[in-house]
């Protein structure tokens, strides 16, 4: 379970079940456990105005320098 945070203001965006190794390029919506308050969920825009990712249907395509994550990755 990892927590995705905004790189600019350090607010929590959502909790995600990351499976396997590698970078977080896209987050599948069925693995998102909890959403925290955001300004626009379609563009995953933080309350500070930073766009974290873009909704692509089944997943969210993440912008690499817009977020940071912390937690344990499931192997």
PDB file of N, CA and C in Angstrom:
ATOM      1  N   UNK A   1       0.849  -1.172   0.000  1.00  0.00           N
ATOM      2  CA  UNK A   1       0.000   0.000   0.000  1.00  0.00           C
ATOM      3  C   UNK A   1       0.891   1.230   0.000  1.00  0.00           C
ATOM      4  N   UNK A   2       0.689   2.113  -0.955  1.00  0.00           N
ATOM      5  CA  UNK A   2       1.462   3.354  -0.995  1.00  0.00           C
ATOM      6  C   UNK A   2       0.504   4.539  -0.927  1.00  0.00           C
ATOM      7  N   UNK A   3       1.022   5.660  -0.463  1.00  0.00           N
ATOM      8  CA  UNK A   3       0.262   6.900  -0.402  1.00  0.00           C
ATOM      9  C   UNK A   3       0.855   7.863  -1.411  1.00  0.00           C
ATOM     10  N   UNK A   4       0.035   8.339  -2.346  1.00  0.00           N
ATOM     11  CA  UNK A   4       0.455   9.297  -3.367  1.00  0.00           C
ATOM     12  C   UNK A   4       0.226  10.693  -2.806  1.00  0.00           C
ATOM     13  N   UNK A   5       1.272  11.532  -2.833  1.00  0.00           N
ATOM     14  CA  UNK A   5       1.188  12.898  -2.318  1.00  0.00           C
ATOM     15  C   UNK A   5       1.573  13.884  -3.411  1.00  0.00           C
ATOM     16  N   UNK A   6       1.076  15.095  -3.294  1.00  0.00           N
ATOM     17  CA  UNK A   6       1.445  16.186  -4.197  1.00  0.00           C
ATOM     18  C   UNK A   6       2.891  16.579  -3.914  1.00  0.00           C
ATOM     19  N   UNK A   7       3.690  16.760  -4.966  1.00  0.00           N
ATOM     20  CA  UNK A   7       5.091  17.132  -4.783  1.00  0.00           C
ATOM     21  C   UNK A   7       5.241  18.588  -4.364  1.00  0.00           C
ATOM     22  N   UNK A   8       4.253  19.399  -4.672  1.00  0.00           N
ATOM     23  CA  UNK A   8       4.356  20.825  -4.379  1.00  0.00           C
ATOM     24  C   UNK A   8       3.964  21.152  -2.937  1.00  0.00           C
ATOM     25  N   UNK A   9       2.800  20.678  -2.510  1.00  0.00           N
ATOM     26  CA  UNK A   9       2.301  21.056  -1.182  1.00  0.00           C
ATOM     27  C   UNK A   9       2.293  19.901  -0.180  1.00  0.00           C
ATOM     28  N   UNK A  10       2.636  18.684  -0.612  1.00  0.00           N
ATOM     29  CA  UNK A  10       2.736  17.480   0.240  1.00  0.00           C
ATOM     30  C   UNK A  10       1.397  16.998   0.786  1.00  0.00           C
ATOM     31  N   UNK A  11       0.275  17.378   0.148  1.00  0.00           N
ATOM     32  CA  UNK A  11      -1.045  16.869   0.567  1.00  0.00           C
ATOM     33  C   UNK A  11      -1.254  15.460   0.019  1.00  0.00           C
ATOM     34  N   UNK A  12      -1.972  14.641   0.768  1.00  0.00           N
ATOM     35  CA  UNK A  12      -2.300  13.298   0.316  1.00  0.00           C
ATOM     36  C   UNK A  12      -3.344  13.378  -0.793  1.00  0.00           C
ATOM     37  N   UNK A  13      -3.167  12.568  -1.840  1.00  0.00           N
ATOM     38  CA  UNK A  13      -4.101  12.527  -2.961  1.00  0.00           C
ATOM     39  C   UNK A  13      -4.944  11.249  -2.897  1.00  0.00           C
ATOM     40  N   UNK A  14      -4.282  10.078  -2.835  1.00  0.00           N
ATOM     41  CA  UNK A  14      -5.004   8.823  -2.647  1.00  0.00           C
ATOM     42  C   UNK A  14      -4.064   7.728  -2.162  1.00  0.00           C
ATOM     43  N   UNK A  15      -4.670   6.641  -1.649  1.00  0.00           N
ATOM     44  CA  UNK A  15      -3.938   5.438  -1.254  1.00  0.00           C
ATOM     45  C   UNK A  15      -4.124   4.416  -2.359  1.00  0.00           C
ATOM     46  N   UNK A  16      -3.037   3.707  -2.690  1.00  0.00           N
ATOM     47  CA  UNK A  16      -3.031   2.829  -3.863  1.00  0.00           C
ATOM     48  C   UNK A  16      -2.326   1.521  -3.541  1.00  0.00           C
ATOM     49  N   UNK A  17      -2.873   0.411  -4.049  1.00  0.00           N
ATOM     50  CA  UNK A  17      -2.252  -0.902  -3.921  1.00  0.00           C
ATOM     51  C   UNK A  17      -1.294  -1.088  -5.084  1.00  0.00           C
ATOM     52  N   UNK A  18      -0.009  -0.882  -4.850  1.00  0.00           N
ATOM     53  CA  UNK A  18       1.006  -1.049  -5.894  1.00  0.00           C
ATOM     54  C   UNK A  18       1.459  -2.488  -5.879  1.00  0.00           C
ATOM     55  N   UNK A  19       1.382  -3.146  -7.038  1.00  0.00           N
ATOM     56  CA  UNK A  19       1.790  -4.540  -7.166  1.00  0.00           C
ATOM     57  C   UNK A  19       2.970  -4.599  -8.117  1.00  0.00           C
ATOM     58  N   UNK A  20       4.035  -5.226  -7.693  1.00  0.00           N
ATOM     59  CA  UNK A  20       5.219  -5.375  -8.528  1.00  0.00           C
ATOM     60  C   UNK A  20       6.165  -4.206  -8.405  1.00  0.00           C
ATOM     61  N   UNK A  21       7.341  -4.400  -9.003  1.00  0.00           N
ATOM     62  CA  UNK A  21       8.335  -3.342  -8.931  1.00  0.00           C
ATOM     63  C   UNK A  21       8.240  -2.435 -10.148  1.00  0.00           C
ATOM     64  N   UNK A  22       8.923  -1.341 -10.082  1.00  0.00           N
ATOM     65  CA  UNK A  22       8.900  -0.389 -11.180  1.00  0.00           C
ATOM     66  C   UNK A  22       8.288   0.931 -10.766  1.00  0.00           C
ATOM     67  N   UNK A  23       8.338   1.876 -11.688  1.00  0.00           N
ATOM     68  CA  UNK A  23       7.819   3.212 -11.412  1.00  0.00           C
ATOM     69  C   UNK A  23       6.294   3.240 -11.479  1.00  0.00           C
ATOM     70  N   UNK A  24       5.729   4.273 -10.922  1.00  0.00           N
ATOM     71  CA  UNK A  24       4.282   4.473 -10.965  1.00  0.00           C
ATOM     72  C   UNK A  24       3.976   5.316 -12.210  1.00  0.00           C
ATOM     73  N   UNK A  25       3.619   4.643 -13.300  1.00  0.00           N
ATOM     74  CA  UNK A  25       3.300   5.336 -14.543  1.00  0.00           C
ATOM     75  C   UNK A  25       1.804   5.535 -14.694  1.00  0.00           C
ATOM     76  N   UNK A  26       1.048   4.524 -14.274  1.00  0.00           N
ATOM     77  CA  UNK A  26      -0.402   4.631 -14.277  1.00  0.00           C
ATOM     78  C   UNK A  26      -0.955   3.923 -13.048  1.00  0.00           C
ATOM     79  N   UNK A  27      -2.022   4.470 -12.527  1.00  0.00           N
ATOM     80  CA  UNK A  27      -2.681   3.900 -11.352  1.00  0.00           C
ATOM     81  C   UNK A  27      -4.055   3.400 -11.782  1.00  0.00           C
ATOM     82  N   UNK A  28      -4.275   2.112 -11.648  1.00  0.00           N
ATOM     83  CA  UNK A  28      -5.562   1.524 -12.008  1.00  0.00           C
ATOM     84  C   UNK A  28      -6.597   1.879 -10.949  1.00  0.00           C
ATOM     85  N   UNK A  29      -7.772   2.292 -11.396  1.00  0.00           N
ATOM     86  CA  UNK A  29      -8.806   2.790 -10.481  1.00  0.00           C
ATOM     87  C   UNK A  29      -9.314   1.723  -9.521  1.00  0.00           C
ATOM     88  N   UNK A  30      -9.322   0.451  -9.941  1.00  0.00           N
ATOM     89  CA  UNK A  30      -9.818  -0.590  -9.052  1.00  0.00           C
ATOM     90  C   UNK A  30      -8.840  -0.896  -7.915  1.00  0.00           C
ATOM     91  N   UNK A  31      -7.603  -0.417  -7.988  1.00  0.00           N
ATOM     92  CA  UNK A  31      -6.626  -0.605  -6.915  1.00  0.00           C
ATOM     93  C   UNK A  31      -6.544   0.596  -5.976  1.00  0.00           C
ATOM     94  N   UNK A  32      -7.245   1.680  -6.284  1.00  0.00           N
ATOM     95  CA  UNK A  32      -7.249   2.844  -5.400  1.00  0.00           C
ATOM     96  C   UNK A  32      -8.172   2.541  -4.221  1.00  0.00           C
ATOM     97  N   UNK A  33      -7.617   2.611  -3.029  1.00  0.00           N
ATOM     98  CA  UNK A  33      -8.347   2.239  -1.828  1.00  0.00           C
ATOM     99  C   UNK A  33      -9.105   3.424  -1.248  1.00  0.00           C
ATOM    100  N   UNK A  34      -8.452   4.591  -1.214  1.00  0.00           N
ATOM    101  CA  UNK A  34      -9.083   5.757  -0.596  1.00  0.00           C
ATOM    102  C   UNK A  34      -8.661   7.030  -1.322  1.00  0.00           C
ATOM    103  N   UNK A  35      -9.650   7.869  -1.624  1.00  0.00           N
ATOM    104  CA  UNK A  35      -9.397   9.185  -2.201  1.00  0.00           C
ATOM    105  C   UNK A  35      -9.387  10.225  -1.090  1.00  0.00           C
ATOM    106  N   UNK A  36      -8.493  11.164  -1.178  1.00  0.00           N
ATOM    107  CA  UNK A  36      -8.498  12.328  -0.298  1.00  0.00           C
ATOM    108  C   UNK A  36      -9.039  13.503  -1.112  1.00  0.00           C
ATOM    109  N   UNK A  37      -9.439  14.609  -0.477  1.00  0.00           N
ATOM    110  CA  UNK A  37     -10.044  15.727  -1.219  1.00  0.00           C
ATOM    111  C   UNK A  37      -9.110  16.286  -2.306  1.00  0.00           C
ATOM    112  N   UNK A  38      -9.642  16.395  -3.520  1.00  0.00           N
ATOM    113  CA  UNK A  38      -8.925  16.999  -4.639  1.00  0.00           C
ATOM    114  C   UNK A  38      -9.835  18.025  -5.300  1.00  0.00           C
ATOM    115  N   UNK A  39      -9.252  18.928  -6.056  1.00  0.00           N
ATOM    116  CA  UNK A  39     -10.034  19.977  -6.715  1.00  0.00           C
ATOM    117  C   UNK A  39     -10.824  19.415  -7.896  1.00  0.00           C
ATOM    118  N   UNK A  40     -10.173  18.596  -8.728  1.00  0.00           N
ATOM    119  CA  UNK A  40     -10.803  18.047  -9.931  1.00  0.00           C
ATOM    120  C   UNK A  40     -10.378  16.597 -10.056  1.00  0.00           C
ATOM    121  N   UNK A  41     -11.305  15.662  -9.915  1.00  0.00           N
ATOM    122  CA  UNK A  41     -10.948  14.250  -9.936  1.00  0.00           C
ATOM    123  C   UNK A  41     -10.668  13.747 -11.346  1.00  0.00           C
ATOM    124  N   UNK A  42     -11.223  14.372 -12.373  1.00  0.00           N
ATOM    125  CA  UNK A  42     -10.966  13.915 -13.742  1.00  0.00           C
ATOM    126  C   UNK A  42      -9.516  14.168 -14.135  1.00  0.00           C
ATOM    127  N   UNK A  43      -8.974  15.303 -13.736  1.00  0.00           N
ATOM    128  CA  UNK A  43      -7.569  15.605 -14.006  1.00  0.00           C
ATOM    129  C   UNK A  43      -6.678  15.335 -12.803  1.00  0.00           C
ATOM    130  N   UNK A  44      -7.220  14.806 -11.710  1.00  0.00           N
ATOM    131  CA  UNK A  44      -6.496  14.577 -10.465  1.00  0.00           C
ATOM    132  C   UNK A  44      -5.680  15.808 -10.098  1.00  0.00           C
ATOM    133  N   UNK A  45      -6.389  16.911  -9.937  1.00  0.00           N
ATOM    134  CA  UNK A  45      -5.756  18.181  -9.597  1.00  0.00           C
ATOM    135  C   UNK A  45      -5.833  18.392  -8.099  1.00  0.00           C
ATOM    136  N   UNK A  46      -4.689  18.662  -7.497  1.00  0.00           N
ATOM    137  CA  UNK A  46      -4.603  18.890  -6.059  1.00  0.00           C
ATOM    138  C   UNK A  46      -5.283  20.208  -5.693  1.00  0.00           C
ATOM    139  N   UNK A  47      -5.521  20.412  -4.416  1.00  0.00           N
ATOM    140  CA  UNK A  47      -6.139  21.652  -3.955  1.00  0.00           C
ATOM    141  C   UNK A  47      -5.241  22.867  -4.193  1.00  0.00           C
ATOM    142  N   UNK A  48      -3.928  22.657  -4.332  1.00  0.00           N
ATOM    143  CA  UNK A  48      -3.006  23.769  -4.591  1.00  0.00           C
ATOM    144  C   UNK A  48      -2.963  24.137  -6.081  1.00  0.00           C
ATOM    145  N   UNK A  49      -3.562  23.304  -6.949  1.00  0.00           N
ATOM    146  CA  UNK A  49      -3.599  23.603  -8.376  1.00  0.00           C
ATOM    147  C   UNK A  49      -2.701  22.716  -9.228  1.00  0.00           C
ATOM    148  N   UNK A  50      -1.846  21.920  -8.606  1.00  0.00           N
ATOM    149  CA  UNK A  50      -0.935  21.025  -9.328  1.00  0.00           C
ATOM    150  C   UNK A  50      -1.709  19.859  -9.931  1.00  0.00           C
ATOM    151  N   UNK A  51      -1.506  19.568 -11.214  1.00  0.00           N
ATOM    152  CA  UNK A  51      -2.144  18.417 -11.861  1.00  0.00           C
ATOM    153  C   UNK A  51      -1.257  17.201 -11.643  1.00  0.00           C
ATOM    154  N   UNK A  52      -1.802  16.178 -10.972  1.00  0.00           N
ATOM    155  CA  UNK A  52      -1.065  14.976 -10.622  1.00  0.00           C
ATOM    156  C   UNK A  52      -1.136  13.947 -11.752  1.00  0.00           C
ATOM    157  N   UNK A  53      -2.302  13.791 -12.355  1.00  0.00           N
ATOM    158  CA  UNK A  53      -2.493  12.812 -13.423  1.00  0.00           C
ATOM    159  C   UNK A  53      -3.756  13.114 -14.203  1.00  0.00           C
ATOM    160  N   UNK A  54      -3.952  12.348 -15.291  1.00  0.00           N
ATOM    161  CA  UNK A  54      -5.102  12.544 -16.168  1.00  0.00           C
ATOM    162  C   UNK A  54      -5.886  11.240 -16.251  1.00  0.00           C
ATOM    163  N   UNK A  55      -7.203  11.328 -16.120  1.00  0.00           N
ATOM    164  CA  UNK A  55      -8.083  10.173 -16.171  1.00  0.00           C
ATOM    165  C   UNK A  55      -8.136   9.624 -17.594  1.00  0.00           C
ATOM    166  N   UNK A  56      -7.804   8.336 -17.745  1.00  0.00           N
ATOM    167  CA  UNK A  56      -7.780   7.686 -19.058  1.00  0.00           C
ATOM    168  C   UNK A  56      -8.816   6.564 -19.156  1.00  0.00           C
ATOM    169  N   UNK A  57      -9.794   6.538 -18.296  1.00  0.00           N
ATOM    170  CA  UNK A  57     -10.805   5.474 -18.328  1.00  0.00           C
ATOM    171  C   UNK A  57     -10.586   4.487 -17.194  1.00  0.00           C
ATOM    172  N   UNK A  58      -9.883   3.367 -17.465  1.00  0.00           N
ATOM    173  CA  UNK A  58      -9.623   2.362 -16.445  1.00  0.00           C
ATOM    174  C   UNK A  58      -8.497   2.763 -15.495  1.00  0.00           C
ATOM    175  N   UNK A  59      -7.643   3.660 -15.925  1.00  0.00           N
ATOM    176  CA  UNK A  59      -6.505   4.069 -15.107  1.00  0.00           C
ATOM    177  C   UNK A  59      -6.310   5.567 -15.157  1.00  0.00           C
ATOM    178  N   UNK A  60      -5.392   6.025 -14.306  1.00  0.00           N
ATOM    179  CA  UNK A  60      -5.003   7.436 -14.264  1.00  0.00           C
ATOM    180  C   UNK A  60      -3.549   7.506 -14.711  1.00  0.00           C
ATOM    181  N   UNK A  61      -3.279   8.236 -15.770  1.00  0.00           N
ATOM    182  CA  UNK A  61      -1.912   8.408 -16.258  1.00  0.00           C
ATOM    183  C   UNK A  61      -1.248   9.480 -15.409  1.00  0.00           C
ATOM    184  N   UNK A  62      -0.176   9.107 -14.717  1.00  0.00           N
ATOM    185  CA  UNK A  62       0.452   9.978 -13.742  1.00  0.00           C
ATOM    186  C   UNK A  62       1.541  10.845 -14.374  1.00  0.00           C
ATOM    187  N   UNK A  63       1.647  12.098 -13.925  1.00  0.00           N
ATOM    188  CA  UNK A  63       2.734  12.991 -14.331  1.00  0.00           C
ATOM    189  C   UNK A  63       3.889  12.769 -13.363  1.00  0.00           C
ATOM    190  N   UNK A  64       5.051  12.414 -13.863  1.00  0.00           N
ATOM    191  CA  UNK A  64       6.144  11.912 -13.036  1.00  0.00           C
ATOM    192  C   UNK A  64       6.678  12.904 -12.003  1.00  0.00           C
ATOM    193  N   UNK A  65       6.807  14.155 -12.310  1.00  0.00           N
ATOM    194  CA  UNK A  65       7.390  15.105 -11.356  1.00  0.00           C
ATOM    195  C   UNK A  65       6.346  15.814 -10.506  1.00  0.00           C
ATOM    196  N   UNK A  66       5.093  15.453 -10.646  1.00  0.00           N
ATOM    197  CA  UNK A  66       4.022  16.142  -9.940  1.00  0.00           C
ATOM    198  C   UNK A  66       3.645  15.465  -8.625  1.00  0.00           C
ATOM    199  N   UNK A  67       4.149  14.271  -8.363  1.00  0.00           N
ATOM    200  CA  UNK A  67       3.768  13.547  -7.156  1.00  0.00           C
ATOM    201  C   UNK A  67       4.971  12.824  -6.574  1.00  0.00           C
ATOM    202  N   UNK A  68       4.789  12.393  -5.333  1.00  0.00           N
ATOM    203  CA  UNK A  68       5.751  11.511  -4.688  1.00  0.00           C
ATOM    204  C   UNK A  68       4.957  10.478  -3.905  1.00  0.00           C
ATOM    205  N   UNK A  69       5.576   9.348  -3.632  1.00  0.00           N
ATOM    206  CA  UNK A  69       4.853   8.309  -2.905  1.00  0.00           C
ATOM    207  C   UNK A  69       5.735   7.713  -1.828  1.00  0.00           C
ATOM    208  N   UNK A  70       5.050   7.107  -0.860  1.00  0.00           N
ATOM    209  CA  UNK A  70       5.708   6.507   0.274  1.00  0.00           C
ATOM    210  C   UNK A  70       4.881   5.311   0.697  1.00  0.00           C
ATOM    211  N   UNK A  71       5.535   4.261   1.135  1.00  0.00           N
ATOM    212  CA  UNK A  71       4.819   3.083   1.602  1.00  0.00           C
ATOM    213  C   UNK A  71       5.508   1.814   1.177  1.00  0.00           C
ATOM    214  N   UNK A  72       4.800   0.715   1.277  1.00  0.00           N
ATOM    215  CA  UNK A  72       5.340  -0.594   0.980  1.00  0.00           C
ATOM    216  C   UNK A  72       4.707  -1.150  -0.276  1.00  0.00           C
ATOM    217  N   UNK A  73       5.528  -1.661  -1.188  1.00  0.00           N
ATOM    218  CA  UNK A  73       5.053  -2.217  -2.448  1.00  0.00           C
ATOM    219  C   UNK A  73       4.880  -3.730  -2.282  1.00  0.00           C
ATOM    220  N   UNK A  74       3.728  -4.246  -2.737  1.00  0.00           N
ATOM    221  CA  UNK A  74       3.414  -5.661  -2.640  1.00  0.00           C
ATOM    222  C   UNK A  74       4.162  -6.414  -3.728  1.00  0.00           C
ATOM    223  N   UNK A  75       4.850  -7.510  -3.367  1.00  0.00           N
ATOM    224  CA  UNK A  75       5.595  -8.313  -4.364  1.00  0.00           C
ATOM    225  C   UNK A  75       4.769  -9.464  -4.870  1.00  0.00           C
TER     226      UNK A  75
END
